[in-house]
Amino acid sequence: MKKIPSLLLAVAFASSLALADAPNTIDLPAPSKSGGTPVLTAMAKRKSARAFADKALTPKQMSDLLWSAAGVNRADGRRTVPSARNKQEVSVYAVTATGAWLYDAVNNKLVAVAGGDLRALTGHQDYVKTAAVNLVYVFDETKAGGKSERDLQWGAVSAGAMCQNAYLYCTSEELACVVRGLFDAGPLANALQLKPGQTIVITQSVGVPAAP
């Protein structure tokens, strides 16, 4: 399987490559686990923003964003967000100008699932086409052990925690961010090659703020 080092990640994000020519995996730089805006200050400043410059995130920003949303923060593999009985049943997909990627939290890398610019599929709003990345939070009934109403509720709780962590990181990094529920689940699920039993819970657009 082809890989590229983290120093080339910016090139991979900036190039609109077909999946056949793109790397199968992208190793992310190590995420920051200290510093940034104090958490209470970040909560005080947190807001939704919907105007994005059509500009990619840096490799470090992508790593820190995904780690904040769903990264491993302990040696036993537990995450930055809670999940019922540590089932970790919600995964994060990153849809960028280069394609769609599954975040591998354990190995801190992106795994390609589709090529091309699929951002327009992630929502009905025009701004999803220019956001640097549209995060797609996906519930997996196999990991949850079922798809009962209660299982789905716990998955929604986990996805909500992921969204809030991403919001707080974006506040600290002065990035624009908005969580969204308006999307066509069928075409998006097909584009992400989701399996039966996987359900899209919510989406979230993140990027460099547009100039005032």
N, C-alpha and C. Protein backbone atom coordinates (compact mmCIF):
# COMPACT_ATOMS: atom_id res chain seq x y z
N MET A 1 0.84 -1.19 0.00
CA MET A 1 0.00 0.00 0.00
C MET A 1 0.88 1.24 0.00
N LYS A 2 0.60 2.18 -0.91
CA LYS A 2 1.41 3.38 -1.00
C LYS A 2 1.15 4.31 0.18
N LYS A 3 2.21 4.97 0.65
CA LYS A 3 2.08 5.96 1.70
C LYS A 3 2.90 7.19 1.33
N ILE A 4 2.56 8.34 1.90
CA ILE A 4 3.39 9.51 1.75
C ILE A 4 3.65 10.06 3.13
N PRO A 5 4.84 10.64 3.36
CA PRO A 5 5.14 11.20 4.67
C PRO A 5 4.34 12.46 4.92
N SER A 6 4.28 12.86 6.17
CA SER A 6 3.45 14.01 6.54
C SER A 6 3.91 15.29 5.88
N LEU A 7 5.20 15.41 5.52
CA LEU A 7 5.69 16.64 4.89
C LEU A 7 5.05 16.87 3.53
N LEU A 8 4.56 15.79 2.91
CA LEU A 8 3.91 15.93 1.61
C LEU A 8 2.40 16.03 1.70
N LEU A 9 1.87 16.06 2.91
CA LEU A 9 0.42 16.05 3.08
C LEU A 9 -0.23 17.27 2.46
N ALA A 10 0.41 18.44 2.58
CA ALA A 10 -0.17 19.65 2.02
C ALA A 10 -0.34 19.53 0.51
N VAL A 11 0.63 18.89 -0.15
CA VAL A 11 0.52 18.69 -1.59
C VAL A 11 -0.65 17.78 -1.92
N ALA A 12 -0.81 16.73 -1.13
CA ALA A 12 -1.91 15.80 -1.36
C ALA A 12 -3.26 16.47 -1.17
N PHE A 13 -3.38 17.33 -0.15
CA PHE A 13 -4.64 18.02 0.09
C PHE A 13 -4.91 19.06 -1.00
N ALA A 14 -3.87 19.68 -1.52
CA ALA A 14 -4.06 20.78 -2.47
C ALA A 14 -4.32 20.28 -3.88
N SER A 15 -3.99 19.05 -4.19
CA SER A 15 -4.12 18.51 -5.54
C SER A 15 -5.41 17.73 -5.68
N SER A 16 -6.17 18.01 -6.73
CA SER A 16 -7.39 17.25 -6.99
C SER A 16 -7.02 16.03 -7.82
N LEU A 17 -6.72 14.94 -7.13
CA LEU A 17 -6.22 13.75 -7.79
C LEU A 17 -7.31 12.70 -7.91
N ALA A 18 -7.26 11.91 -8.94
CA ALA A 18 -8.14 10.74 -9.05
C ALA A 18 -7.66 9.71 -8.05
N LEU A 19 -8.60 8.88 -7.57
CA LEU A 19 -8.23 7.90 -6.55
C LEU A 19 -7.15 6.96 -7.05
N ALA A 20 -7.14 6.66 -8.34
CA ALA A 20 -6.13 5.74 -8.88
C ALA A 20 -4.73 6.31 -8.74
N ASP A 21 -4.60 7.64 -8.72
CA ASP A 21 -3.30 8.28 -8.63
C ASP A 21 -2.98 8.78 -7.24
N ALA A 22 -3.96 8.82 -6.37
CA ALA A 22 -3.77 9.37 -5.03
C ALA A 22 -3.21 8.30 -4.11
N PRO A 23 -2.57 8.74 -3.00
CA PRO A 23 -2.10 7.76 -2.02
C PRO A 23 -3.28 7.06 -1.36
N ASN A 24 -3.09 5.81 -0.99
CA ASN A 24 -4.14 5.08 -0.30
C ASN A 24 -4.26 5.51 1.15
N THR A 25 -3.15 5.93 1.73
CA THR A 25 -3.16 6.43 3.10
C THR A 25 -2.29 7.67 3.19
N ILE A 26 -2.62 8.53 4.12
CA ILE A 26 -1.81 9.72 4.41
C ILE A 26 -1.50 9.73 5.89
N ASP A 27 -0.24 9.67 6.22
CA ASP A 27 0.18 9.75 7.62
C ASP A 27 0.08 11.20 8.09
N LEU A 28 -0.64 11.43 9.16
CA LEU A 28 -0.80 12.77 9.70
C LEU A 28 0.31 13.08 10.69
N PRO A 29 0.70 14.36 10.80
CA PRO A 29 1.67 14.71 11.84
C PRO A 29 1.08 14.50 13.22
N ALA A 30 1.94 14.33 14.19
CA ALA A 30 1.46 14.11 15.56
C ALA A 30 0.62 15.30 16.01
N PRO A 31 -0.53 15.06 16.62
CA PRO A 31 -1.39 16.16 17.07
C PRO A 31 -0.84 16.84 18.31
N SER A 32 -1.17 18.10 18.46
CA SER A 32 -0.82 18.83 19.68
C SER A 32 -1.76 18.39 20.80
N LYS A 33 -1.21 18.18 21.98
CA LYS A 33 -2.02 17.75 23.12
C LYS A 33 -1.88 18.70 24.29
N SER A 34 -1.39 19.88 24.01
CA SER A 34 -1.30 20.93 25.03
C SER A 34 -1.32 22.27 24.32
N GLY A 35 -1.54 23.33 25.11
CA GLY A 35 -1.57 24.67 24.53
C GLY A 35 -2.94 25.05 24.01
N GLY A 36 -2.97 26.04 23.15
CA GLY A 36 -4.24 26.51 22.60
C GLY A 36 -4.98 27.43 23.55
N THR A 37 -6.18 27.81 23.15
CA THR A 37 -7.02 28.69 23.95
C THR A 37 -7.55 27.95 25.18
N PRO A 38 -7.54 28.58 26.35
CA PRO A 38 -8.13 27.93 27.53
C PRO A 38 -9.56 27.50 27.24
N VAL A 39 -9.96 26.35 27.79
CA VAL A 39 -11.24 25.76 27.41
C VAL A 39 -12.43 26.67 27.73
N LEU A 40 -12.40 27.37 28.86
CA LEU A 40 -13.52 28.25 29.18
C LEU A 40 -13.59 29.42 28.21
N THR A 41 -12.44 29.93 27.80
CA THR A 41 -12.41 31.00 26.81
C THR A 41 -12.94 30.51 25.47
N ALA A 42 -12.54 29.30 25.10
CA ALA A 42 -13.03 28.73 23.84
C ALA A 42 -14.54 28.55 23.85
N MET A 43 -15.09 28.10 24.98
CA MET A 43 -16.54 27.94 25.08
C MET A 43 -17.24 29.29 24.99
N ALA A 44 -16.63 30.32 25.57
CA ALA A 44 -17.23 31.65 25.53
C ALA A 44 -17.24 32.22 24.11
N LYS A 45 -16.27 31.81 23.29
CA LYS A 45 -16.15 32.35 21.94
C LYS A 45 -16.72 31.43 20.86
N ARG A 46 -17.13 30.23 21.23
CA ARG A 46 -17.61 29.27 20.24
C ARG A 46 -18.82 29.80 19.48
N LYS A 47 -18.81 29.62 18.16
CA LYS A 47 -19.93 30.07 17.34
C LYS A 47 -19.92 29.29 16.02
N SER A 48 -21.03 29.34 15.32
CA SER A 48 -21.11 28.75 13.99
C SER A 48 -20.79 29.81 12.95
N ALA A 49 -20.03 29.43 11.93
CA ALA A 49 -19.69 30.34 10.84
C ALA A 49 -19.83 29.59 9.53
N ARG A 50 -20.38 30.25 8.53
CA ARG A 50 -20.74 29.58 7.28
C ARG A 50 -20.06 30.17 6.05
N ALA A 51 -19.11 31.05 6.23
CA ALA A 51 -18.41 31.66 5.09
C ALA A 51 -16.97 31.16 5.09
N PHE A 52 -16.60 30.44 4.03
CA PHE A 52 -15.29 29.80 3.98
C PHE A 52 -14.49 30.28 2.77
N ALA A 53 -13.19 30.48 2.96
CA ALA A 53 -12.28 30.65 1.84
C ALA A 53 -12.01 29.28 1.24
N ASP A 54 -11.87 29.22 -0.07
CA ASP A 54 -11.60 27.93 -0.73
C ASP A 54 -10.11 27.63 -0.60
N LYS A 55 -9.73 27.23 0.59
CA LYS A 55 -8.32 27.03 0.93
C LYS A 55 -8.20 25.81 1.83
N ALA A 56 -7.20 24.98 1.59
CA ALA A 56 -7.02 23.76 2.37
C ALA A 56 -6.47 24.06 3.76
N LEU A 57 -6.77 23.19 4.70
CA LEU A 57 -6.12 23.25 6.00
C LEU A 57 -4.68 22.77 5.87
N THR A 58 -3.84 23.18 6.80
CA THR A 58 -2.48 22.64 6.83
C THR A 58 -2.54 21.20 7.35
N PRO A 59 -1.51 20.42 7.10
CA PRO A 59 -1.48 19.06 7.65
C PRO A 59 -1.65 19.05 9.16
N LYS A 60 -1.00 19.99 9.85
CA LYS A 60 -1.09 20.03 11.30
C LYS A 60 -2.51 20.37 11.74
N GLN A 61 -3.15 21.30 11.07
CA GLN A 61 -4.53 21.64 11.42
C GLN A 61 -5.45 20.44 11.23
N MET A 62 -5.27 19.71 10.13
CA MET A 62 -6.11 18.54 9.89
C MET A 62 -5.91 17.50 10.99
N SER A 63 -4.66 17.29 11.36
CA SER A 63 -4.36 16.32 12.41
C SER A 63 -4.98 16.73 13.73
N ASP A 64 -4.80 17.98 14.11
CA ASP A 64 -5.33 18.46 15.39
C ASP A 64 -6.86 18.44 15.40
N LEU A 65 -7.47 18.80 14.28
CA LEU A 65 -8.93 18.79 14.18
C LEU A 65 -9.48 17.38 14.38
N LEU A 66 -8.94 16.42 13.67
CA LEU A 66 -9.44 15.05 13.75
C LEU A 66 -9.14 14.42 15.10
N TRP A 67 -7.96 14.73 15.65
CA TRP A 67 -7.65 14.20 16.98
C TRP A 67 -8.61 14.79 18.01
N SER A 68 -8.91 16.07 17.90
CA SER A 68 -9.86 16.69 18.83
C SER A 68 -11.22 16.01 18.74
N ALA A 69 -11.65 15.71 17.52
CA ALA A 69 -12.98 15.13 17.32
C ALA A 69 -13.06 13.68 17.76
N ALA A 70 -11.99 12.91 17.53
CA ALA A 70 -12.12 11.46 17.77
C ALA A 70 -10.79 10.76 17.99
N GLY A 71 -9.79 11.50 18.44
CA GLY A 71 -8.46 10.91 18.56
C GLY A 71 -8.26 10.07 19.81
N VAL A 72 -7.19 9.31 19.80
CA VAL A 72 -6.79 8.49 20.95
C VAL A 72 -6.01 9.37 21.92
N ASN A 73 -6.43 9.39 23.19
CA ASN A 73 -5.74 10.23 24.17
C ASN A 73 -5.20 9.46 25.37
N ARG A 74 -5.27 8.13 25.30
CA ARG A 74 -4.73 7.29 26.37
C ARG A 74 -4.10 6.03 25.80
N ALA A 75 -3.19 5.46 26.56
CA ALA A 75 -2.45 4.29 26.08
C ALA A 75 -3.36 3.10 25.82
N ASP A 76 -4.51 3.06 26.48
CA ASP A 76 -5.42 1.92 26.29
C ASP A 76 -6.35 2.10 25.09
N GLY A 77 -6.14 3.15 24.30
CA GLY A 77 -6.91 3.34 23.07
C GLY A 77 -8.19 4.13 23.22
N ARG A 78 -8.46 4.60 24.43
CA ARG A 78 -9.68 5.39 24.62
C ARG A 78 -9.52 6.76 23.97
N ARG A 79 -10.66 7.42 23.76
CA ARG A 79 -10.70 8.58 22.88
C ARG A 79 -10.90 9.90 23.62
N THR A 80 -10.80 10.97 22.85
CA THR A 80 -11.04 12.31 23.38
C THR A 80 -12.51 12.57 23.67
N VAL A 81 -13.37 11.68 23.19
CA VAL A 81 -14.82 11.81 23.41
C VAL A 81 -15.36 10.52 24.01
N PRO A 82 -16.47 10.61 24.75
CA PRO A 82 -17.04 9.40 25.36
C PRO A 82 -17.85 8.58 24.37
N SER A 83 -17.94 7.29 24.64
CA SER A 83 -18.88 6.42 23.93
C SER A 83 -19.39 5.38 24.92
N ALA A 84 -20.61 4.94 24.72
CA ALA A 84 -21.23 4.00 25.64
C ALA A 84 -20.42 2.71 25.71
N ARG A 85 -19.97 2.38 26.92
CA ARG A 85 -19.17 1.17 27.14
C ARG A 85 -17.95 1.10 26.22
N ASN A 86 -17.45 2.28 25.87
CA ASN A 86 -16.25 2.39 25.03
C ASN A 86 -16.36 1.60 23.72
N LYS A 87 -17.54 1.62 23.13
CA LYS A 87 -17.73 0.88 21.87
C LYS A 87 -17.15 1.62 20.67
N GLN A 88 -16.96 2.93 20.81
CA GLN A 88 -16.36 3.72 19.74
C GLN A 88 -17.08 3.46 18.41
N GLU A 89 -18.41 3.57 18.47
CA GLU A 89 -19.24 3.17 17.34
C GLU A 89 -19.44 4.26 16.29
N VAL A 90 -18.87 5.44 16.51
CA VAL A 90 -18.99 6.52 15.53
C VAL A 90 -17.61 6.80 14.93
N SER A 91 -17.53 6.74 13.61
CA SER A 91 -16.30 7.03 12.88
C SER A 91 -16.42 8.39 12.20
N VAL A 92 -15.27 8.97 11.86
CA VAL A 92 -15.25 10.28 11.21
C VAL A 92 -14.64 10.14 9.81
N TYR A 93 -15.37 10.63 8.83
CA TYR A 93 -14.88 10.70 7.46
C TYR A 93 -14.58 12.17 7.15
N ALA A 94 -13.49 12.41 6.45
CA ALA A 94 -13.10 13.77 6.05
C ALA A 94 -13.24 13.89 4.54
N VAL A 95 -14.11 14.77 4.09
CA VAL A 95 -14.34 14.97 2.66
C VAL A 95 -13.69 16.29 2.26
N THR A 96 -12.65 16.20 1.44
CA THR A 96 -11.87 17.37 1.05
C THR A 96 -11.90 17.53 -0.47
N ALA A 97 -11.15 18.50 -0.97
CA ALA A 97 -11.07 18.71 -2.41
C ALA A 97 -10.40 17.54 -3.12
N THR A 98 -9.65 16.71 -2.40
CA THR A 98 -8.93 15.60 -3.03
C THR A 98 -9.68 14.29 -2.97
N GLY A 99 -10.73 14.22 -2.18
CA GLY A 99 -11.47 12.97 -2.06
C GLY A 99 -12.05 12.79 -0.68
N ALA A 100 -12.47 11.58 -0.40
CA ALA A 100 -13.04 11.25 0.91
C ALA A 100 -12.11 10.29 1.63
N TRP A 101 -11.94 10.55 2.92
CA TRP A 101 -10.97 9.81 3.72
C TRP A 101 -11.60 9.38 5.04
N LEU A 102 -11.27 8.18 5.48
CA LEU A 102 -11.67 7.70 6.80
C LEU A 102 -10.54 7.98 7.77
N TYR A 103 -10.86 8.59 8.90
CA TYR A 103 -9.85 8.87 9.91
C TYR A 103 -9.56 7.61 10.71
N ASP A 104 -8.33 7.15 10.65
CA ASP A 104 -7.85 6.02 11.44
C ASP A 104 -7.23 6.59 12.71
N ALA A 105 -8.01 6.63 13.78
CA ALA A 105 -7.56 7.29 15.01
C ALA A 105 -6.40 6.55 15.67
N VAL A 106 -6.40 5.25 15.60
CA VAL A 106 -5.36 4.46 16.26
C VAL A 106 -3.99 4.75 15.65
N ASN A 107 -3.94 4.84 14.34
CA ASN A 107 -2.67 5.06 13.64
C ASN A 107 -2.48 6.51 13.19
N ASN A 108 -3.43 7.38 13.53
CA ASN A 108 -3.36 8.80 13.18
C ASN A 108 -3.06 9.00 11.69
N LYS A 109 -3.93 8.46 10.87
CA LYS A 109 -3.75 8.62 9.44
C LYS A 109 -5.11 8.67 8.75
N LEU A 110 -5.09 9.07 7.49
CA LEU A 110 -6.28 9.08 6.66
C LEU A 110 -6.22 7.91 5.69
N VAL A 111 -7.34 7.24 5.53
CA VAL A 111 -7.45 6.11 4.62
C VAL A 111 -8.42 6.49 3.50
N ALA A 112 -7.96 6.44 2.27
CA ALA A 112 -8.79 6.86 1.14
C ALA A 112 -9.97 5.93 0.93
N VAL A 113 -11.14 6.52 0.70
CA VAL A 113 -12.32 5.72 0.36
C VAL A 113 -12.92 6.12 -0.99
N ALA A 114 -12.62 7.33 -1.47
CA ALA A 114 -13.13 7.78 -2.77
C ALA A 114 -12.29 8.95 -3.25
N GLY A 115 -12.17 9.07 -4.56
CA GLY A 115 -11.40 10.15 -5.15
C GLY A 115 -12.27 11.27 -5.68
N GLY A 116 -11.65 12.40 -5.99
CA GLY A 116 -12.37 13.53 -6.55
C GLY A 116 -12.95 14.43 -5.48
N ASP A 117 -13.41 15.59 -5.92
CA ASP A 117 -13.98 16.57 -5.00
C ASP A 117 -15.46 16.25 -4.78
N LEU A 118 -15.76 15.66 -3.64
CA LEU A 118 -17.13 15.24 -3.31
C LEU A 118 -17.80 16.16 -2.30
N ARG A 119 -17.21 17.32 -2.06
CA ARG A 119 -17.74 18.19 -1.00
C ARG A 119 -19.20 18.57 -1.23
N ALA A 120 -19.60 18.75 -2.47
CA ALA A 120 -20.98 19.15 -2.75
C ALA A 120 -21.99 18.11 -2.29
N LEU A 121 -21.57 16.86 -2.17
CA LEU A 121 -22.49 15.80 -1.73
C LEU A 121 -22.75 15.83 -0.23
N THR A 122 -21.96 16.59 0.50
CA THR A 122 -22.08 16.55 1.96
C THR A 122 -23.17 17.45 2.51
N GLY A 123 -23.81 18.25 1.67
CA GLY A 123 -24.88 19.11 2.16
C GLY A 123 -25.55 19.89 1.05
N HIS A 124 -26.67 20.51 1.37
CA HIS A 124 -27.42 21.29 0.39
C HIS A 124 -26.90 22.72 0.28
N GLN A 125 -26.18 23.19 1.27
CA GLN A 125 -25.74 24.57 1.29
C GLN A 125 -24.56 24.78 0.34
N ASP A 126 -24.50 25.95 -0.29
CA ASP A 126 -23.42 26.23 -1.23
C ASP A 126 -22.05 26.24 -0.55
N TYR A 127 -22.00 26.65 0.70
CA TYR A 127 -20.69 26.80 1.35
C TYR A 127 -19.97 25.48 1.59
N VAL A 128 -20.68 24.36 1.51
CA VAL A 128 -19.98 23.08 1.70
C VAL A 128 -18.97 22.84 0.58
N LYS A 129 -19.16 23.50 -0.56
CA LYS A 129 -18.28 23.31 -1.71
C LYS A 129 -16.94 24.01 -1.53
N THR A 130 -16.87 24.98 -0.62
CA THR A 130 -15.62 25.71 -0.41
C THR A 130 -14.99 25.43 0.95
N ALA A 131 -15.72 24.83 1.87
CA ALA A 131 -15.13 24.47 3.16
C ALA A 131 -13.95 23.53 2.92
N ALA A 132 -12.87 23.73 3.65
CA ALA A 132 -11.67 22.90 3.45
C ALA A 132 -11.97 21.43 3.66
N VAL A 133 -12.79 21.14 4.66
CA VAL A 133 -13.14 19.75 4.95
C VAL A 133 -14.56 19.69 5.49
N ASN A 134 -15.30 18.72 5.03
CA ASN A 134 -16.61 18.42 5.60
C ASN A 134 -16.49 17.10 6.34
N LEU A 135 -16.67 17.16 7.65
CA LEU A 135 -16.60 15.97 8.47
C LEU A 135 -17.95 15.26 8.45
N VAL A 136 -17.92 13.96 8.29
CA VAL A 136 -19.14 13.15 8.27
C VAL A 136 -19.03 12.12 9.39
N TYR A 137 -19.96 12.18 10.32
CA TYR A 137 -19.94 11.30 11.49
C TYR A 137 -20.87 10.12 11.23
N VAL A 138 -20.32 8.92 11.28
CA VAL A 138 -21.03 7.71 10.85
C VAL A 138 -21.15 6.71 11.99
N PHE A 139 -22.38 6.33 12.28
CA PHE A 139 -22.68 5.31 13.30
C PHE A 139 -22.57 3.92 12.67
N ASP A 140 -21.95 2.99 13.39
CA ASP A 140 -21.77 1.62 12.90
C ASP A 140 -22.45 0.65 13.87
N GLU A 141 -23.53 0.02 13.41
CA GLU A 141 -24.27 -0.87 14.30
C GLU A 141 -23.47 -2.12 14.67
N THR A 142 -22.51 -2.50 13.83
CA THR A 142 -21.67 -3.65 14.17
C THR A 142 -20.83 -3.36 15.41
N LYS A 143 -20.27 -2.16 15.47
CA LYS A 143 -19.49 -1.78 16.65
C LYS A 143 -20.39 -1.57 17.86
N ALA A 144 -21.59 -1.05 17.61
CA ALA A 144 -22.52 -0.76 18.71
C ALA A 144 -23.14 -2.03 19.27
N GLY A 145 -23.16 -3.08 18.46
CA GLY A 145 -23.80 -4.31 18.90
C GLY A 145 -25.28 -4.36 18.61
N GLY A 146 -25.76 -3.40 17.81
CA GLY A 146 -27.18 -3.37 17.46
C GLY A 146 -27.56 -2.03 16.88
N LYS A 147 -28.81 -1.90 16.48
CA LYS A 147 -29.31 -0.65 15.91
C LYS A 147 -30.66 -0.32 16.51
N SER A 148 -30.81 -0.57 17.79
CA SER A 148 -32.04 -0.21 18.49
C SER A 148 -32.10 1.30 18.65
N GLU A 149 -33.26 1.79 19.05
CA GLU A 149 -33.39 3.22 19.29
C GLU A 149 -32.37 3.70 20.32
N ARG A 150 -32.13 2.88 21.33
CA ARG A 150 -31.17 3.25 22.36
C ARG A 150 -29.75 3.28 21.81
N ASP A 151 -29.41 2.31 20.96
CA ASP A 151 -28.08 2.29 20.34
C ASP A 151 -27.86 3.56 19.52
N LEU A 152 -28.87 3.93 18.75
CA LEU A 152 -28.76 5.14 17.93
C LEU A 152 -28.65 6.39 18.79
N GLN A 153 -29.35 6.42 19.90
CA GLN A 153 -29.26 7.56 20.81
C GLN A 153 -27.85 7.71 21.35
N TRP A 154 -27.25 6.59 21.77
CA TRP A 154 -25.88 6.66 22.28
C TRP A 154 -24.92 7.09 21.18
N GLY A 155 -25.16 6.63 19.96
CA GLY A 155 -24.33 7.07 18.85
C GLY A 155 -24.45 8.56 18.61
N ALA A 156 -25.66 9.08 18.73
CA ALA A 156 -25.87 10.52 18.55
C ALA A 156 -25.17 11.31 19.65
N VAL A 157 -25.16 10.78 20.87
CA VAL A 157 -24.45 11.44 21.97
C VAL A 157 -22.96 11.53 21.64
N SER A 158 -22.39 10.43 21.18
CA SER A 158 -20.97 10.43 20.83
C SER A 158 -20.67 11.40 19.69
N ALA A 159 -21.51 11.40 18.66
CA ALA A 159 -21.32 12.31 17.54
C ALA A 159 -21.42 13.76 17.98
N GLY A 160 -22.35 14.04 18.89
CA GLY A 160 -22.47 15.40 19.41
C GLY A 160 -21.22 15.84 20.15
N ALA A 161 -20.64 14.93 20.94
CA ALA A 161 -19.40 15.26 21.65
C ALA A 161 -18.27 15.52 20.66
N MET A 162 -18.23 14.74 19.59
CA MET A 162 -17.21 14.94 18.56
C MET A 162 -17.35 16.31 17.92
N CYS A 163 -18.59 16.67 17.58
CA CYS A 163 -18.84 17.98 16.97
C CYS A 163 -18.40 19.11 17.88
N GLN A 164 -18.72 19.00 19.16
CA GLN A 164 -18.36 20.06 20.09
C GLN A 164 -16.85 20.17 20.25
N ASN A 165 -16.15 19.04 20.31
CA ASN A 165 -14.70 19.09 20.39
C ASN A 165 -14.11 19.78 19.16
N ALA A 166 -14.67 19.46 17.99
CA ALA A 166 -14.21 20.11 16.76
C ALA A 166 -14.48 21.61 16.81
N TYR A 167 -15.64 21.99 17.30
CA TYR A 167 -15.97 23.41 17.46
C TYR A 167 -14.93 24.12 18.34
N LEU A 168 -14.61 23.51 19.48
CA LEU A 168 -13.69 24.16 20.41
C LEU A 168 -12.29 24.26 19.82
N TYR A 169 -11.86 23.23 19.09
CA TYR A 169 -10.57 23.32 18.41
C TYR A 169 -10.59 24.46 17.39
N CYS A 170 -11.66 24.54 16.59
CA CYS A 170 -11.75 25.59 15.58
C CYS A 170 -11.74 26.97 16.21
N THR A 171 -12.39 27.11 17.35
CA THR A 171 -12.37 28.39 18.05
C THR A 171 -10.95 28.75 18.43
N SER A 172 -10.21 27.79 18.96
CA SER A 172 -8.82 28.03 19.36
C SER A 172 -7.95 28.38 18.16
N GLU A 173 -8.22 27.74 17.03
CA GLU A 173 -7.38 27.90 15.84
C GLU A 173 -7.89 29.02 14.92
N GLU A 174 -9.00 29.66 15.30
CA GLU A 174 -9.62 30.73 14.52
C GLU A 174 -10.03 30.23 13.13
N LEU A 175 -10.62 29.04 13.11
CA LEU A 175 -11.19 28.48 11.90
C LEU A 175 -12.71 28.61 11.94
N ALA A 176 -13.32 28.67 10.77
CA ALA A 176 -14.78 28.69 10.68
C ALA A 176 -15.31 27.26 10.79
N CYS A 177 -16.47 27.11 11.43
CA CYS A 177 -17.01 25.78 11.68
C CYS A 177 -18.52 25.86 11.84
N VAL A 178 -19.23 24.88 11.29
CA VAL A 178 -20.68 24.81 11.50
C VAL A 178 -21.12 23.35 11.38
N VAL A 179 -21.97 22.93 12.30
CA VAL A 179 -22.53 21.58 12.24
C VAL A 179 -23.82 21.63 11.42
N ARG A 180 -24.09 20.55 10.65
CA ARG A 180 -25.20 20.58 9.70
C ARG A 180 -25.97 19.26 9.71
N GLY A 181 -27.27 19.38 9.54
CA GLY A 181 -28.10 18.19 9.44
C GLY A 181 -28.81 18.06 8.11
N LEU A 182 -28.58 19.00 7.19
CA LEU A 182 -29.27 19.01 5.90
C LEU A 182 -28.36 18.40 4.83
N PHE A 183 -28.61 17.15 4.49
CA PHE A 183 -27.83 16.45 3.47
C PHE A 183 -28.66 15.27 2.96
N ASP A 184 -28.31 14.79 1.78
CA ASP A 184 -28.97 13.61 1.22
C ASP A 184 -28.15 12.39 1.62
N ALA A 185 -28.68 11.62 2.55
CA ALA A 185 -27.91 10.53 3.14
C ALA A 185 -27.56 9.44 2.13
N GLY A 186 -28.48 9.13 1.21
CA GLY A 186 -28.24 8.04 0.27
C GLY A 186 -27.04 8.27 -0.63
N PRO A 187 -27.02 9.37 -1.41
CA PRO A 187 -25.88 9.63 -2.28
C PRO A 187 -24.56 9.79 -1.51
N LEU A 188 -24.63 10.41 -0.34
CA LEU A 188 -23.41 10.59 0.45
C LEU A 188 -22.90 9.25 0.96
N ALA A 189 -23.80 8.41 1.44
CA ALA A 189 -23.39 7.08 1.91
C ALA A 189 -22.78 6.26 0.78
N ASN A 190 -23.36 6.37 -0.41
CA ASN A 190 -22.81 5.65 -1.57
C ASN A 190 -21.41 6.15 -1.91
N ALA A 191 -21.23 7.47 -1.88
CA ALA A 191 -19.93 8.05 -2.19
C ALA A 191 -18.87 7.61 -1.19
N LEU A 192 -19.26 7.48 0.07
CA LEU A 192 -18.33 7.05 1.11
C LEU A 192 -18.18 5.54 1.18
N GLN A 193 -18.93 4.84 0.33
CA GLN A 193 -18.89 3.37 0.29
C GLN A 193 -19.22 2.76 1.65
N LEU A 194 -20.25 3.33 2.28
CA LEU A 194 -20.66 2.79 3.57
C LEU A 194 -21.31 1.43 3.40
N LYS A 195 -21.18 0.61 4.42
CA LYS A 195 -21.73 -0.74 4.40
C LYS A 195 -23.12 -0.75 5.03
N PRO A 196 -23.91 -1.79 4.78
CA PRO A 196 -25.17 -1.93 5.50
C PRO A 196 -24.91 -1.90 7.01
N GLY A 197 -25.74 -1.17 7.72
CA GLY A 197 -25.53 -1.04 9.15
C GLY A 197 -24.77 0.21 9.55
N GLN A 198 -24.24 0.94 8.56
CA GLN A 198 -23.60 2.22 8.83
C GLN A 198 -24.57 3.34 8.48
N THR A 199 -24.72 4.30 9.38
CA THR A 199 -25.69 5.38 9.22
C THR A 199 -25.02 6.72 9.48
N ILE A 200 -25.23 7.67 8.58
CA ILE A 200 -24.70 9.02 8.79
C ILE A 200 -25.54 9.72 9.85
N VAL A 201 -24.88 10.23 10.88
CA VAL A 201 -25.56 10.90 11.98
C VAL A 201 -25.66 12.40 11.73
N ILE A 202 -24.55 13.02 11.40
CA ILE A 202 -24.49 14.48 11.28
C ILE A 202 -23.25 14.83 10.47
N THR A 203 -23.20 16.04 9.95
CA THR A 203 -22.03 16.51 9.22
C THR A 203 -21.58 17.85 9.79
N GLN A 204 -20.36 18.25 9.45
CA GLN A 204 -19.79 19.47 10.01
C GLN A 204 -18.78 20.04 9.03
N SER A 205 -18.94 21.31 8.69
CA SER A 205 -18.03 21.98 7.76
C SER A 205 -17.00 22.78 8.52
N VAL A 206 -15.75 22.68 8.09
CA VAL A 206 -14.64 23.37 8.75
C VAL A 206 -13.74 23.97 7.68
N GLY A 207 -13.23 25.16 7.94
CA GLY A 207 -12.30 25.74 6.99
C GLY A 207 -11.77 27.09 7.41
N VAL A 208 -10.97 27.65 6.53
CA VAL A 208 -10.43 28.98 6.74
C VAL A 208 -11.56 29.99 6.53
N PRO A 209 -11.73 30.93 7.45
CA PRO A 209 -12.82 31.90 7.28
C PRO A 209 -12.63 32.75 6.03
N ALA A 210 -13.73 33.06 5.36
CA ALA A 210 -13.67 33.96 4.22
C ALA A 210 -13.33 35.37 4.70
N ALA A 211 -12.67 36.12 3.84
CA ALA A 211 -12.34 37.50 4.18
C ALA A 211 -13.61 38.30 4.38
N PRO A 212 -13.64 39.19 5.37
CA PRO A 212 -14.85 39.98 5.62
C PRO A 212 -15.20 40.85 4.41
